[in-house]
Amino acid sequence: FIASYDNKLINIHPSLLPDFKGLNAQKQALDAGVKEAGCSVHFVDNTLDGGPIIKQARVSVLQSDSTESLSARILEQEHRLYPEVIQAYATGKIRMKNGKVEEIL
């Protein structure tokens, strides 16, 4: 399925890929003690949360954060970033060229 839509499937993941792939990325970030977390929009390939990264948004990890509070702040960024990237892709401002993401301004 993925091969049929090479460089046409776009996903969002609640971590700063390539860190914290898979499920429970926000908990993974807290357990690792990172100071920054966020979300990544990327082209989908055959690897788990792989594929070239298109754009990321960062949030600070607070000492008081729980998985729920960090997830809520990341979700705010996901809601902003994903439509922005989809719009840019749909209007030809983002594309893959020679295996790299190219943003056309």
N, C-alpha and C. Protein backbone atom coordinates (compact mmCIF):
# COMPACT_ATOMS: atom_id res chain seq x y z
N PHE A 1 0.82 -1.19 0.00
CA PHE A 1 0.00 0.00 0.00
C PHE A 1 0.87 1.26 0.00
N ILE A 2 1.84 1.32 0.90
CA ILE A 2 2.69 2.51 1.02
C ILE A 2 3.46 2.76 -0.26
N ALA A 3 3.97 1.70 -0.87
CA ALA A 3 4.73 1.86 -2.12
C ALA A 3 3.88 2.47 -3.23
N SER A 4 2.58 2.21 -3.21
CA SER A 4 1.69 2.78 -4.23
C SER A 4 1.53 4.28 -4.08
N TYR A 5 1.83 4.80 -2.90
CA TYR A 5 1.65 6.23 -2.63
C TYR A 5 2.97 6.86 -2.15
N ASP A 6 4.06 6.43 -2.76
CA ASP A 6 5.38 6.92 -2.38
C ASP A 6 5.43 8.44 -2.35
N ASN A 7 5.85 8.98 -1.21
CA ASN A 7 5.97 10.42 -0.99
C ASN A 7 4.65 11.18 -1.12
N LYS A 8 3.56 10.48 -0.86
CA LYS A 8 2.25 11.13 -0.89
C LYS A 8 1.49 10.95 0.42
N LEU A 9 1.95 10.06 1.28
CA LEU A 9 1.33 9.85 2.59
C LEU A 9 2.09 10.67 3.63
N ILE A 10 1.34 11.45 4.40
CA ILE A 10 1.96 12.31 5.41
C ILE A 10 1.35 11.96 6.76
N ASN A 11 2.20 11.83 7.76
CA ASN A 11 1.78 11.45 9.11
C ASN A 11 2.27 12.48 10.11
N ILE A 12 1.61 12.53 11.25
CA ILE A 12 2.09 13.34 12.37
C ILE A 12 2.33 12.42 13.55
N HIS A 13 3.40 12.69 14.28
CA HIS A 13 3.78 11.86 15.43
C HIS A 13 4.13 12.77 16.60
N PRO A 14 3.72 12.43 17.82
CA PRO A 14 3.93 13.31 18.97
C PRO A 14 5.32 13.20 19.61
N SER A 15 6.35 13.31 18.78
CA SER A 15 7.71 13.41 19.31
C SER A 15 8.57 14.12 18.27
N LEU A 16 9.74 14.51 18.71
CA LEU A 16 10.71 15.09 17.79
C LEU A 16 11.51 13.93 17.18
N LEU A 17 10.94 13.37 16.13
CA LEU A 17 11.60 12.25 15.47
C LEU A 17 12.99 12.66 15.03
N PRO A 18 13.94 11.76 15.08
CA PRO A 18 13.78 10.31 15.19
C PRO A 18 13.66 9.78 16.62
N ASP A 19 13.59 10.66 17.62
CA ASP A 19 13.45 10.20 19.00
C ASP A 19 12.03 9.74 19.29
N PHE A 20 11.92 8.73 20.13
CA PHE A 20 10.66 8.26 20.71
C PHE A 20 9.63 7.83 19.68
N LYS A 21 10.00 6.86 18.90
CA LYS A 21 9.08 6.28 17.91
C LYS A 21 8.10 5.35 18.60
N GLY A 22 7.01 5.06 17.92
CA GLY A 22 6.04 4.10 18.44
C GLY A 22 5.05 4.72 19.41
N LEU A 23 4.47 3.85 20.21
CA LEU A 23 3.42 4.26 21.15
C LEU A 23 3.99 4.97 22.37
N ASN A 24 3.17 5.78 22.99
CA ASN A 24 3.50 6.44 24.26
C ASN A 24 4.74 7.32 24.17
N ALA A 25 4.86 8.05 23.07
CA ALA A 25 6.03 8.90 22.85
C ALA A 25 6.20 9.95 23.94
N GLN A 26 5.10 10.50 24.42
CA GLN A 26 5.19 11.53 25.45
C GLN A 26 5.74 10.94 26.76
N LYS A 27 5.29 9.76 27.12
CA LYS A 27 5.82 9.08 28.31
C LYS A 27 7.29 8.73 28.10
N GLN A 28 7.64 8.29 26.91
CA GLN A 28 9.05 8.00 26.62
C GLN A 28 9.91 9.24 26.83
N ALA A 29 9.41 10.40 26.39
CA ALA A 29 10.16 11.66 26.54
C ALA A 29 10.33 12.00 28.02
N LEU A 30 9.25 11.88 28.79
CA LEU A 30 9.34 12.16 30.23
C LEU A 30 10.29 11.20 30.92
N ASP A 31 10.19 9.93 30.60
CA ASP A 31 11.07 8.92 31.22
C ASP A 31 12.54 9.17 30.87
N ALA A 32 12.80 9.73 29.69
CA ALA A 32 14.17 10.00 29.27
C ALA A 32 14.72 11.29 29.89
N GLY A 33 13.83 12.10 30.46
CA GLY A 33 14.27 13.33 31.11
C GLY A 33 14.67 14.44 30.16
N VAL A 34 14.12 14.44 28.95
CA VAL A 34 14.49 15.48 27.99
C VAL A 34 13.90 16.82 28.41
N LYS A 35 14.51 17.89 27.96
CA LYS A 35 14.06 19.24 28.28
C LYS A 35 13.08 19.77 27.23
N GLU A 36 13.05 19.10 26.08
CA GLU A 36 12.21 19.54 24.97
C GLU A 36 11.55 18.33 24.33
N ALA A 37 10.28 18.50 23.97
CA ALA A 37 9.53 17.47 23.25
C ALA A 37 8.82 18.19 22.12
N GLY A 38 7.89 17.51 21.47
CA GLY A 38 7.16 18.17 20.39
C GLY A 38 6.51 17.17 19.47
N CYS A 39 6.33 17.60 18.23
CA CYS A 39 5.71 16.74 17.24
C CYS A 39 6.43 16.89 15.91
N SER A 40 6.27 15.88 15.08
CA SER A 40 6.91 15.85 13.77
C SER A 40 5.89 15.46 12.71
N VAL A 41 5.91 16.17 11.60
CA VAL A 41 5.15 15.77 10.42
C VAL A 41 6.16 15.19 9.45
N HIS A 42 5.86 14.01 8.92
CA HIS A 42 6.83 13.34 8.05
C HIS A 42 6.12 12.57 6.95
N PHE A 43 6.86 12.34 5.86
CA PHE A 43 6.38 11.44 4.83
C PHE A 43 6.46 10.02 5.38
N VAL A 44 5.52 9.18 5.01
CA VAL A 44 5.46 7.81 5.50
C VAL A 44 6.30 6.92 4.59
N ASP A 45 7.08 6.06 5.22
CA ASP A 45 7.77 5.00 4.47
C ASP A 45 7.47 3.68 5.17
N ASN A 46 8.21 2.63 4.86
CA ASN A 46 7.93 1.31 5.42
C ASN A 46 8.50 1.09 6.81
N THR A 47 9.08 2.11 7.43
CA THR A 47 9.64 1.95 8.76
C THR A 47 8.72 2.59 9.80
N LEU A 48 8.84 2.16 11.03
CA LEU A 48 8.02 2.69 12.12
C LEU A 48 8.35 4.15 12.36
N ASP A 49 7.36 5.00 12.16
CA ASP A 49 7.52 6.45 12.34
C ASP A 49 8.77 6.98 11.64
N GLY A 50 9.03 6.38 10.48
CA GLY A 50 10.18 6.79 9.68
C GLY A 50 9.73 7.66 8.53
N GLY A 51 10.60 7.84 7.61
CA GLY A 51 10.32 8.70 6.47
C GLY A 51 10.87 10.08 6.71
N PRO A 52 11.14 10.79 5.65
CA PRO A 52 11.73 12.13 5.78
C PRO A 52 10.84 13.10 6.55
N ILE A 53 11.45 13.81 7.48
CA ILE A 53 10.74 14.78 8.30
C ILE A 53 10.49 16.04 7.48
N ILE A 54 9.25 16.50 7.51
CA ILE A 54 8.87 17.71 6.79
C ILE A 54 9.03 18.92 7.69
N LYS A 55 8.45 18.83 8.89
CA LYS A 55 8.50 19.97 9.80
C LYS A 55 8.25 19.49 11.22
N GLN A 56 8.81 20.22 12.19
CA GLN A 56 8.62 19.88 13.60
C GLN A 56 8.21 21.12 14.39
N ALA A 57 7.56 20.88 15.51
CA ALA A 57 7.24 21.94 16.47
C ALA A 57 7.71 21.47 17.83
N ARG A 58 8.29 22.38 18.58
CA ARG A 58 8.88 22.05 19.87
C ARG A 58 8.09 22.65 21.02
N VAL A 59 8.07 21.93 22.15
CA VAL A 59 7.52 22.45 23.39
C VAL A 59 8.51 22.13 24.51
N SER A 60 8.57 23.00 25.49
CA SER A 60 9.43 22.74 26.65
C SER A 60 8.78 21.68 27.53
N VAL A 61 9.60 20.86 28.12
CA VAL A 61 9.12 19.89 29.09
C VAL A 61 9.31 20.52 30.47
N LEU A 62 8.23 20.63 31.20
CA LEU A 62 8.25 21.26 32.51
C LEU A 62 8.47 20.22 33.60
N GLN A 63 9.09 20.63 34.70
CA GLN A 63 9.31 19.70 35.81
C GLN A 63 7.99 19.14 36.33
N SER A 64 6.95 19.94 36.24
CA SER A 64 5.64 19.53 36.76
C SER A 64 4.84 18.69 35.77
N ASP A 65 5.37 18.44 34.59
CA ASP A 65 4.61 17.73 33.56
C ASP A 65 4.28 16.30 33.94
N SER A 66 3.07 15.93 33.59
CA SER A 66 2.64 14.54 33.57
C SER A 66 2.52 14.16 32.10
N THR A 67 2.29 12.90 31.83
CA THR A 67 2.08 12.48 30.45
C THR A 67 0.91 13.25 29.85
N GLU A 68 -0.13 13.45 30.65
CA GLU A 68 -1.33 14.14 30.16
C GLU A 68 -1.06 15.61 29.85
N SER A 69 -0.36 16.31 30.73
CA SER A 69 -0.12 17.75 30.49
C SER A 69 0.82 17.96 29.31
N LEU A 70 1.85 17.14 29.21
CA LEU A 70 2.76 17.25 28.06
C LEU A 70 2.02 16.90 26.78
N SER A 71 1.22 15.86 26.81
CA SER A 71 0.45 15.45 25.63
C SER A 71 -0.47 16.58 25.17
N ALA A 72 -1.09 17.28 26.11
CA ALA A 72 -2.01 18.36 25.75
C ALA A 72 -1.27 19.50 25.05
N ARG A 73 -0.09 19.86 25.52
CA ARG A 73 0.67 20.94 24.87
C ARG A 73 1.19 20.51 23.51
N ILE A 74 1.58 19.26 23.38
CA ILE A 74 2.02 18.76 22.07
C ILE A 74 0.83 18.73 21.11
N LEU A 75 -0.33 18.31 21.59
CA LEU A 75 -1.52 18.24 20.74
C LEU A 75 -1.87 19.62 20.18
N GLU A 76 -1.71 20.67 20.98
CA GLU A 76 -1.95 22.04 20.48
C GLU A 76 -1.06 22.32 19.27
N GLN A 77 0.20 21.90 19.35
CA GLN A 77 1.12 22.12 18.24
C GLN A 77 0.78 21.23 17.05
N GLU A 78 0.32 20.00 17.32
CA GLU A 78 -0.11 19.12 16.23
C GLU A 78 -1.26 19.74 15.46
N HIS A 79 -2.21 20.32 16.18
CA HIS A 79 -3.38 20.93 15.54
C HIS A 79 -3.00 22.15 14.71
N ARG A 80 -1.92 22.80 15.05
CA ARG A 80 -1.44 23.94 14.27
C ARG A 80 -0.59 23.47 13.09
N LEU A 81 0.33 22.55 13.35
CA LEU A 81 1.34 22.16 12.37
C LEU A 81 0.81 21.30 11.23
N TYR A 82 -0.02 20.30 11.54
CA TYR A 82 -0.47 19.36 10.52
C TYR A 82 -1.24 20.05 9.40
N PRO A 83 -2.24 20.90 9.71
CA PRO A 83 -2.93 21.59 8.61
C PRO A 83 -2.00 22.50 7.81
N GLU A 84 -1.05 23.12 8.49
CA GLU A 84 -0.09 23.99 7.80
C GLU A 84 0.72 23.20 6.77
N VAL A 85 1.19 22.04 7.16
CA VAL A 85 1.98 21.20 6.25
C VAL A 85 1.11 20.64 5.13
N ILE A 86 -0.09 20.19 5.45
CA ILE A 86 -0.98 19.65 4.42
C ILE A 86 -1.29 20.74 3.38
N GLN A 87 -1.56 21.95 3.84
CA GLN A 87 -1.83 23.06 2.92
C GLN A 87 -0.61 23.34 2.04
N ALA A 88 0.57 23.36 2.64
CA ALA A 88 1.79 23.60 1.86
C ALA A 88 2.02 22.50 0.83
N TYR A 89 1.76 21.24 1.22
CA TYR A 89 1.92 20.13 0.29
C TYR A 89 0.90 20.23 -0.84
N ALA A 90 -0.35 20.51 -0.49
CA ALA A 90 -1.43 20.57 -1.48
C ALA A 90 -1.22 21.70 -2.50
N THR A 91 -0.53 22.73 -2.10
CA THR A 91 -0.29 23.86 -3.01
C THR A 91 1.10 23.81 -3.65
N GLY A 92 1.78 22.68 -3.49
CA GLY A 92 3.07 22.49 -4.15
C GLY A 92 4.24 23.19 -3.51
N LYS A 93 4.10 23.62 -2.25
CA LYS A 93 5.20 24.32 -1.57
C LYS A 93 6.14 23.39 -0.85
N ILE A 94 5.76 22.12 -0.74
CA ILE A 94 6.60 21.09 -0.14
C ILE A 94 6.59 19.91 -1.10
N ARG A 95 7.77 19.35 -1.34
CA ARG A 95 7.86 18.17 -2.20
C ARG A 95 9.13 17.40 -1.85
N MET A 96 9.19 16.20 -2.35
CA MET A 96 10.39 15.38 -2.21
C MET A 96 11.21 15.54 -3.48
N LYS A 97 12.51 15.74 -3.31
CA LYS A 97 13.40 15.81 -4.47
C LYS A 97 14.72 15.15 -4.07
N ASN A 98 15.09 14.13 -4.83
CA ASN A 98 16.31 13.38 -4.57
C ASN A 98 16.37 12.85 -3.13
N GLY A 99 15.23 12.36 -2.64
CA GLY A 99 15.18 11.77 -1.31
C GLY A 99 15.16 12.76 -0.16
N LYS A 100 15.06 14.04 -0.45
CA LYS A 100 15.05 15.08 0.59
C LYS A 100 13.78 15.91 0.48
N VAL A 101 13.33 16.42 1.61
CA VAL A 101 12.18 17.32 1.63
C VAL A 101 12.66 18.69 1.17
N GLU A 102 11.92 19.25 0.23
CA GLU A 102 12.25 20.57 -0.29
C GLU A 102 11.06 21.47 -0.07
N GLU A 103 11.31 22.60 0.59
CA GLU A 103 10.25 23.60 0.81
C GLU A 103 10.46 24.72 -0.18
N ILE A 104 9.43 25.02 -0.94
CA ILE A 104 9.50 26.04 -1.96
C ILE A 104 8.81 27.28 -1.41
N LEU A 105 9.55 28.33 -1.25
CA LEU A 105 8.96 29.55 -0.68
C LEU A 105 8.46 30.49 -1.75
